[in-house]
C-alpha atoms as a PDB file:
ATOM      1  CA  MET A   1     -50.065  -9.701 -25.070  1.00  0.00           C
ATOM      2  CA  SER A   2     -52.461  -9.291 -22.173  1.00  0.00           C
ATOM      3  CA  TYR A   3     -51.693  -8.911 -18.474  1.00  0.00           C
ATOM      4  CA  VAL A   4     -53.650 -12.107 -17.808  1.00  0.00           C
ATOM      5  CA  TYR A   5     -51.551 -13.936 -20.392  1.00  0.00           C
ATOM      6  CA  MET A   6     -48.335 -12.809 -18.736  1.00  0.00           C
ATOM      7  CA  LYS A   7     -49.587 -14.008 -15.352  1.00  0.00           C
ATOM      8  CA  VAL A   8     -50.378 -17.371 -16.903  1.00  0.00           C
ATOM      9  CA  LEU A   9     -46.829 -17.528 -18.234  1.00  0.00           C
ATOM     10  CA  GLU A  10     -45.349 -16.692 -14.862  1.00  0.00           C
ATOM     11  CA  SER A  11     -47.321 -19.444 -13.148  1.00  0.00           C
ATOM     12  CA  ALA A  12     -46.816 -22.084 -15.859  1.00  0.00           C
ATOM     13  CA  PRO A  13     -43.692 -21.471 -17.993  1.00  0.00           C
ATOM     14  CA  GLN A  14     -44.464 -24.253 -20.477  1.00  0.00           C
ATOM     15  CA  ARG A  15     -48.062 -23.149 -21.119  1.00  0.00           C
ATOM     16  CA  TYR A  16     -47.130 -20.799 -23.948  1.00  0.00           C
ATOM     17  CA  GLU A  17     -45.135 -23.456 -25.785  1.00  0.00           C
ATOM     18  CA  ARG A  18     -47.960 -25.961 -25.366  1.00  0.00           C
ATOM     19  CA  GLY A  19     -50.434 -23.426 -26.734  1.00  0.00           C
ATOM     20  CA  MET A  20     -48.324 -22.708 -29.806  1.00  0.00           C
ATOM     21  CA  ARG A  21     -47.801 -26.421 -30.439  1.00  0.00           C
ATOM     22  CA  LEU A  22     -51.553 -26.906 -30.194  1.00  0.00           C
ATOM     23  CA  LEU A  23     -52.316 -24.001 -32.529  1.00  0.00           C
ATOM     24  CA  THR A  24     -49.934 -25.444 -35.135  1.00  0.00           C
ATOM     25  CA  LEU A  25     -50.600 -29.143 -34.404  1.00  0.00           C
ATOM     26  CA  GLY A  26     -46.939 -29.468 -33.516  1.00  0.00           C
ATOM     27  CA  ARG A  27     -45.721 -28.097 -36.845  1.00  0.00           C
ATOM     28  CA  ILE A  28     -43.973 -25.220 -35.106  1.00  0.00           C
ATOM     29  CA  GLU A  29     -41.279 -27.706 -34.078  1.00  0.00           C
ATOM     30  CA  GLN A  30     -40.757 -28.781 -37.692  1.00  0.00           C
ATOM     31  CA  ALA A  31     -40.652 -25.139 -38.791  1.00  0.00           C
ATOM     32  CA  ARG A  32     -37.957 -24.429 -36.195  1.00  0.00           C
ATOM     33  CA  LEU A  33     -35.955 -27.406 -37.409  1.00  0.00           C
ATOM     34  CA  ASP A  34     -36.283 -26.158 -40.987  1.00  0.00           C
ATOM     35  CA  VAL A  35     -35.073 -22.708 -39.900  1.00  0.00           C
ATOM     36  CA  ALA A  36     -32.142 -24.181 -37.966  1.00  0.00           C
ATOM     37  CA  ALA A  37     -31.143 -26.298 -40.967  1.00  0.00           C
ATOM     38  CA  ARG A  38     -30.424 -23.104 -42.900  1.00  0.00           C
ATOM     39  CA  VAL A  39     -28.251 -21.497 -40.204  1.00  0.00           C
ATOM     40  CA  ARG A  40     -24.548 -22.316 -40.125  1.00  0.00           C
ATOM     41  CA  ARG A  41     -22.133 -22.677 -37.250  1.00  0.00           C
ATOM     42  CA  GLY A  42     -20.644 -19.286 -36.394  1.00  0.00           C
ATOM     43  CA  ASP A  43     -23.491 -17.284 -37.943  1.00  0.00           C
ATOM     44  CA  ARG A  44     -24.603 -14.142 -36.140  1.00  0.00           C
ATOM     45  CA  VAL A  45     -28.367 -14.506 -35.813  1.00  0.00           C
ATOM     46  CA  LEU A  46     -31.106 -12.158 -34.616  1.00  0.00           C
ATOM     47  CA  ASP A  47     -34.215 -13.910 -33.281  1.00  0.00           C
ATOM     48  CA  ILE A  48     -37.078 -11.402 -33.437  1.00  0.00           C
ATOM     49  CA  GLY A  49     -39.711 -12.111 -30.793  1.00  0.00           C
ATOM     50  CA  CYS A  50     -37.652 -14.858 -29.186  1.00  0.00           C
ATOM     51  CA  GLY A  51     -40.386 -15.598 -26.626  1.00  0.00           C
ATOM     52  CA  THR A  52     -39.382 -18.360 -24.235  1.00  0.00           C
ATOM     53  CA  GLY A  53     -36.112 -18.924 -26.109  1.00  0.00           C
ATOM     54  CA  ALA A  54     -36.848 -22.221 -27.874  1.00  0.00           C
ATOM     55  CA  MET A  55     -35.569 -21.094 -31.287  1.00  0.00           C
ATOM     56  CA  ALA A  56     -32.574 -19.246 -29.848  1.00  0.00           C
ATOM     57  CA  VAL A  57     -31.455 -22.301 -27.899  1.00  0.00           C
ATOM     58  CA  MET A  58     -31.825 -24.538 -30.953  1.00  0.00           C
ATOM     59  CA  LEU A  59     -29.660 -22.198 -33.036  1.00  0.00           C
ATOM     60  CA  ALA A  60     -27.045 -21.757 -30.318  1.00  0.00           C
ATOM     61  CA  LYS A  61     -26.699 -25.525 -29.990  1.00  0.00           C
ATOM     62  CA  LYS A  62     -25.823 -25.546 -33.689  1.00  0.00           C
ATOM     63  CA  GLY A  63     -22.986 -23.130 -32.954  1.00  0.00           C
ATOM     64  CA  ALA A  64     -24.613 -19.832 -33.935  1.00  0.00           C
ATOM     65  CA  MET A  65     -24.161 -16.634 -31.951  1.00  0.00           C
ATOM     66  CA  VAL A  66     -27.725 -15.526 -31.194  1.00  0.00           C
ATOM     67  CA  THR A  67     -29.276 -12.245 -30.106  1.00  0.00           C
ATOM     68  CA  GLY A  68     -32.812 -12.822 -28.915  1.00  0.00           C
ATOM     69  CA  MET A  69     -35.162  -9.864 -28.641  1.00  0.00           C
ATOM     70  CA  ASP A  70     -38.669  -9.642 -27.247  1.00  0.00           C
ATOM     71  CA  VAL A  71     -40.886  -6.798 -26.106  1.00  0.00           C
ATOM     72  CA  ALA A  72     -42.201  -8.724 -23.077  1.00  0.00           C
ATOM     73  CA  PRO A  73     -39.928  -8.833 -20.008  1.00  0.00           C
ATOM     74  CA  GLN A  74     -41.778 -11.868 -18.654  1.00  0.00           C
ATOM     75  CA  MET A  75     -40.968 -13.788 -21.801  1.00  0.00           C
ATOM     76  CA  LEU A  76     -37.334 -12.755 -21.581  1.00  0.00           C
ATOM     77  CA  SER A  77     -37.221 -13.941 -17.982  1.00  0.00           C
ATOM     78  CA  LEU A  78     -38.368 -17.382 -19.081  1.00  0.00           C
ATOM     79  CA  ALA A  79     -35.897 -17.338 -21.970  1.00  0.00           C
ATOM     80  CA  ALA A  80     -33.041 -16.358 -19.644  1.00  0.00           C
ATOM     81  CA  ARG A  81     -33.883 -19.261 -17.373  1.00  0.00           C
ATOM     82  CA  ARG A  82     -33.809 -21.647 -20.328  1.00  0.00           C
ATOM     83  CA  VAL A  83     -30.479 -20.245 -21.518  1.00  0.00           C
ATOM     84  CA  ARG A  84     -28.950 -20.733 -18.070  1.00  0.00           C
ATOM     85  CA  GLU A  85     -30.287 -24.265 -17.796  1.00  0.00           C
ATOM     86  CA  GLU A  86     -28.736 -25.114 -21.167  1.00  0.00           C
ATOM     87  CA  GLY A  87     -25.430 -23.439 -20.269  1.00  0.00           C
ATOM     88  CA  LEU A  88     -25.546 -21.205 -23.357  1.00  0.00           C
ATOM     89  CA  GLU A  89     -24.917 -17.799 -21.786  1.00  0.00           C
ATOM     90  CA  ASN A  90     -21.822 -17.335 -23.975  1.00  0.00           C
ATOM     91  CA  ARG A  91     -23.827 -17.879 -27.173  1.00  0.00           C
ATOM     92  CA  ILE A  92     -27.146 -16.128 -26.493  1.00  0.00           C
ATOM     93  CA  ALA A  93     -27.715 -12.472 -25.590  1.00  0.00           C
ATOM     94  CA  LEU A  94     -31.234 -11.364 -24.710  1.00  0.00           C
ATOM     95  CA  LYS A  95     -32.567  -7.837 -25.199  1.00  0.00           C
ATOM     96  CA  GLU A  96     -35.891  -6.203 -24.310  1.00  0.00           C
ATOM     97  CA  LEU A  97     -36.756  -4.726 -27.692  1.00  0.00           C
ATOM     98  CA  GLY A  98     -39.710  -4.575 -30.043  1.00  0.00           C
ATOM     99  CA  ALA A  99     -39.801  -4.544 -33.834  1.00  0.00           C
ATOM    100  CA  VAL A 100     -40.103  -0.747 -33.794  1.00  0.00           C
ATOM    101  CA  ASP A 101     -36.714  -0.521 -32.041  1.00  0.00           C
ATOM    102  CA  LEU A 102     -34.734  -2.139 -34.850  1.00  0.00           C
ATOM    103  CA  ASP A 103     -33.664   1.177 -36.370  1.00  0.00           C
ATOM    104  CA  THR A 104     -31.678   2.246 -33.306  1.00  0.00           C
ATOM    105  CA  ALA A 105     -30.773  -1.110 -31.733  1.00  0.00           C
ATOM    106  CA  PHE A 106     -28.461  -2.582 -34.382  1.00  0.00           C
ATOM    107  CA  ALA A 107     -25.914  -1.281 -36.873  1.00  0.00           C
ATOM    108  CA  ASP A 108     -25.965  -1.964 -40.601  1.00  0.00           C
ATOM    109  CA  GLU A 109     -24.922  -5.494 -41.632  1.00  0.00           C
ATOM    110  CA  SER A 110     -24.760  -6.775 -38.045  1.00  0.00           C
ATOM    111  CA  PHE A 111     -26.173 -10.250 -38.734  1.00  0.00           C
ATOM    112  CA  ASP A 112     -25.839 -13.202 -41.077  1.00  0.00           C
ATOM    113  CA  ALA A 113     -29.453 -14.251 -40.523  1.00  0.00           C
ATOM    114  CA  VAL A 114     -32.647 -12.828 -39.068  1.00  0.00           C
ATOM    115  CA  VAL A 115     -35.238 -15.369 -37.921  1.00  0.00           C
ATOM    116  CA  SER A 116     -38.790 -15.121 -36.613  1.00  0.00           C
ATOM    117  CA  THR A 117     -41.377 -17.763 -35.736  1.00  0.00           C
ATOM    118  CA  LEU A 118     -45.048 -16.885 -35.158  1.00  0.00           C
ATOM    119  CA  VAL A 119     -44.218 -13.240 -34.479  1.00  0.00           C
ATOM    120  CA  PHE A 120     -45.186 -11.261 -37.586  1.00  0.00           C
ATOM    121  CA  SER A 121     -48.744 -12.531 -37.101  1.00  0.00           C
ATOM    122  CA  GLU A 122     -48.784 -10.545 -33.839  1.00  0.00           C
ATOM    123  CA  LEU A 123     -47.696  -7.301 -35.545  1.00  0.00           C
ATOM    124  CA  SER A 124     -49.864  -4.687 -37.209  1.00  0.00           C
ATOM    125  CA  ASP A 125     -49.551  -4.163 -40.960  1.00  0.00           C
ATOM    126  CA  ASP A 126     -47.701  -0.892 -40.319  1.00  0.00           C
ATOM    127  CA  ALA A 127     -45.217  -2.639 -38.022  1.00  0.00           C
ATOM    128  CA  ILE A 128     -44.579  -5.361 -40.614  1.00  0.00           C
ATOM    129  CA  GLU A 129     -44.044  -2.791 -43.347  1.00  0.00           C
ATOM    130  CA  TYR A 130     -41.585  -0.961 -41.088  1.00  0.00           C
ATOM    131  CA  ALA A 131     -39.717  -4.005 -39.745  1.00  0.00           C
ATOM    132  CA  LEU A 132     -38.885  -5.802 -42.989  1.00  0.00           C
ATOM    133  CA  PRO A 133     -36.672  -3.044 -44.515  1.00  0.00           C
ATOM    134  CA  GLU A 134     -34.916  -2.804 -41.134  1.00  0.00           C
ATOM    135  CA  CYS A 135     -34.268  -6.544 -41.271  1.00  0.00           C
ATOM    136  CA  ARG A 136     -32.664  -6.021 -44.658  1.00  0.00           C
ATOM    137  CA  ARG A 137     -30.531  -3.155 -43.367  1.00  0.00           C
ATOM    138  CA  ILE A 138     -29.059  -5.135 -40.482  1.00  0.00           C
ATOM    139  CA  LEU A 139     -28.259  -8.187 -42.628  1.00  0.00           C
ATOM    140  CA  ARG A 140     -24.916  -8.591 -44.351  1.00  0.00           C
ATOM    141  CA  PRO A 141     -24.964  -8.890 -48.161  1.00  0.00           C
ATOM    142  CA  GLY A 142     -26.427 -12.284 -48.977  1.00  0.00           C
ATOM    143  CA  GLY A 143     -27.769 -12.686 -45.446  1.00  0.00           C
ATOM    144  CA  LEU A 144     -30.901 -14.748 -44.882  1.00  0.00           C
ATOM    145  CA  LEU A 145     -34.344 -13.770 -43.650  1.00  0.00           C
ATOM    146  CA  LEU A 146     -36.235 -16.782 -42.245  1.00  0.00           C
ATOM    147  CA  ILE A 147     -39.850 -16.146 -41.255  1.00  0.00           C
ATOM    148  CA  ALA A 148     -42.212 -18.938 -40.218  1.00  0.00           C
ATOM    149  CA  ASP A 149     -45.734 -17.714 -39.633  1.00  0.00           C
ATOM    150  CA  GLU A 150     -49.429 -18.115 -40.245  1.00  0.00           C
ATOM    151  CA  VAL A 151     -50.523 -16.831 -43.628  1.00  0.00           C
ATOM    152  CA  LEU A 152     -53.810 -16.042 -45.335  1.00  0.00           C
ATOM    153  CA  PRO A 153     -54.393 -17.646 -48.758  1.00  0.00           C
ATOM    154  CA  LYS A 154     -55.073 -15.247 -51.613  1.00  0.00           C
ATOM    155  CA  SER A 155     -58.252 -16.944 -52.870  1.00  0.00           C
ATOM    156  CA  MET A 156     -61.550 -16.609 -50.996  1.00  0.00           C
ATOM    157  CA  PRO A 157     -62.302 -20.371 -51.100  1.00  0.00           C
ATOM    158  CA  GLY A 158     -58.833 -21.015 -49.699  1.00  0.00           C
ATOM    159  CA  ARG A 159     -59.398 -18.481 -46.936  1.00  0.00           C
ATOM    160  CA  ILE A 160     -62.715 -20.045 -45.950  1.00  0.00           C
ATOM    161  CA  ALA A 161     -61.355 -23.603 -46.021  1.00  0.00           C
ATOM    162  CA  THR A 162     -58.279 -22.809 -43.961  1.00  0.00           C
ATOM    163  CA  PHE A 163     -60.333 -20.724 -41.504  1.00  0.00           C
ATOM    164  CA  LEU A 164     -62.631 -23.668 -40.830  1.00  0.00           C
ATOM    165  CA  PHE A 165     -59.650 -26.004 -40.539  1.00  0.00           C
ATOM    166  CA  ARG A 166     -57.809 -23.720 -38.109  1.00  0.00           C
ATOM    167  CA  LEU A 167     -60.743 -22.541 -35.976  1.00  0.00           C
ATOM    168  CA  PRO A 168     -60.969 -25.353 -33.363  1.00  0.00           C
ATOM    169  CA  PHE A 169     -57.225 -25.309 -32.745  1.00  0.00           C
ATOM    170  CA  ALA A 170     -57.149 -21.509 -32.441  1.00  0.00           C
ATOM    171  CA  VAL A 171     -59.976 -21.611 -29.889  1.00  0.00           C
ATOM    172  CA  ALA A 172     -58.259 -24.337 -27.868  1.00  0.00           C
ATOM    173  CA  ALA A 173     -54.948 -22.452 -27.933  1.00  0.00           C
ATOM    174  CA  PHE A 174     -56.655 -19.261 -26.739  1.00  0.00           C
ATOM    175  CA  VAL A 175     -58.298 -21.109 -23.845  1.00  0.00           C
ATOM    176  CA  LEU A 176     -54.899 -22.475 -22.858  1.00  0.00           C
ATOM    177  CA  THR A 177     -52.813 -19.309 -23.265  1.00  0.00           C
ATOM    178  CA  GLN A 178     -55.252 -16.350 -23.426  1.00  0.00           C
ATOM    179  CA  ASN A 179     -53.430 -15.370 -26.601  1.00  0.00           C
ATOM    180  CA  THR A 180     -53.822 -15.951 -30.304  1.00  0.00           C
ATOM    181  CA  THR A 181     -52.371 -14.836 -33.618  1.00  0.00           C
ATOM    182  CA  ARG A 182     -53.820 -13.700 -36.911  1.00  0.00           C
ATOM    183  CA  ARG A 183     -53.042 -14.999 -40.371  1.00  0.00           C
ATOM    184  CA  VAL A 184     -50.983 -12.504 -42.368  1.00  0.00           C
ATOM    185  CA  ALA A 185     -52.115 -11.598 -45.868  1.00  0.00           C
ATOM    186  CA  GLY A 186     -49.483 -10.843 -48.515  1.00  0.00           C
ATOM    187  CA  LEU A 187     -46.431 -11.587 -46.366  1.00  0.00           C
ATOM    188  CA  GLU A 188     -44.456 -12.966 -49.309  1.00  0.00           C
ATOM    189  CA  ASP A 189     -45.120  -9.777 -51.304  1.00  0.00           C
ATOM    190  CA  TRP A 190     -44.072  -7.610 -48.356  1.00  0.00           C
ATOM    191  CA  ILE A 191     -40.812  -9.530 -48.068  1.00  0.00           C
ATOM    192  CA  SER A 192     -40.057  -9.057 -51.771  1.00  0.00           C
ATOM    193  CA  ASP A 193     -41.007  -5.368 -51.669  1.00  0.00           C
ATOM    194  CA  ALA A 194     -38.552  -4.840 -48.801  1.00  0.00           C
ATOM    195  CA  GLY A 195     -35.637  -5.837 -51.031  1.00  0.00           C
ATOM    196  CA  PHE A 196     -35.363  -9.585 -50.497  1.00  0.00           C
ATOM    197  CA  ARG A 197     -35.081 -12.339 -53.096  1.00  0.00           C
ATOM    198  CA  MET A 198     -37.209 -15.353 -52.255  1.00  0.00           C
ATOM    199  CA  LEU A 199     -35.147 -18.549 -52.251  1.00  0.00           C
ATOM    200  CA  ASP A 200     -37.571 -21.118 -50.912  1.00  0.00           C
ATOM    201  CA  THR A 201     -40.851 -21.675 -49.089  1.00  0.00           C
ATOM    202  CA  GLU A 202     -42.097 -24.539 -46.939  1.00  0.00           C
ATOM    203  CA  SER A 203     -45.792 -25.099 -46.259  1.00  0.00           C
ATOM    204  CA  TYR A 204     -47.426 -26.630 -43.206  1.00  0.00           C
ATOM    205  CA  LEU A 205     -51.013 -27.317 -42.141  1.00  0.00           C
ATOM    206  CA  MET A 206     -52.728 -27.077 -45.519  1.00  0.00           C
ATOM    207  CA  GLY A 207     -50.729 -23.950 -46.267  1.00  0.00           C
ATOM    208  CA  THR A 208     -52.018 -22.043 -43.230  1.00  0.00           C
ATOM    209  CA  MET A 209     -48.421 -21.713 -41.996  1.00  0.00           C
ATOM    210  CA  LYS A 210     -45.376 -21.123 -44.173  1.00  0.00           C
ATOM    211  CA  LEU A 211     -41.644 -20.694 -43.840  1.00  0.00           C
ATOM    212  CA  PHE A 212     -40.241 -18.015 -46.126  1.00  0.00           C
ATOM    213  CA  VAL A 213     -36.525 -18.222 -46.909  1.00  0.00           C
ATOM    214  CA  ALA A 214     -35.267 -15.022 -48.505  1.00  0.00           C
ATOM    215  CA  GLU A 215     -31.891 -13.500 -49.267  1.00  0.00           C
ATOM    216  CA  LYS A 216     -30.855  -9.866 -48.971  1.00  0.00           C
ATOM    217  CA  ALA A 217     -30.808  -8.721 -52.576  1.00  0.00           C
ATOM    218  CA  ALA A 218     -28.046  -6.532 -53.944  1.00  0.00           C
END
């Protein structure tokens, strides 16, 4: 994320959320609800790339114990403010960490669920390939991986059609936030290759965004 983008966030805390809602035509809220529906009260949850804390707060209100991590201190500052305003300090811990820190930050089988919304699309292919096995390591047996993100269809006609569909919203979101994401190719295959068993998928926006629900395989 750029320096300009961070300054925009500091001056207008809700701008990032508005930009992401615009980019996804509001479907990010439904994706978060679908993630939260699969998390149980008392679950220990890691929110990778927690951003301004929207997902973490939603999960904590359901009774989960949430660790939110983000590489950007400005984002964490906004998330901390939201946590205080909601009175959820006893249910949400925030840490300044990136995906590459997972190997040293958390012990084996520390969490019942790992969640991420619109974060893997900001990572390089190498970072994704590194992070997913670490997500498996820190999950308990049978723990859930819940990733909602933009995806790239496998067929060329599908890629062209979804690109044209997404383009005006991506441009508008960039103007608003000075930030954008990319569509991830082969995310479902990466998840399976990392040792997860796919349980379910939800599609949004003509399939340009999906929620992957996977279980840590034995």
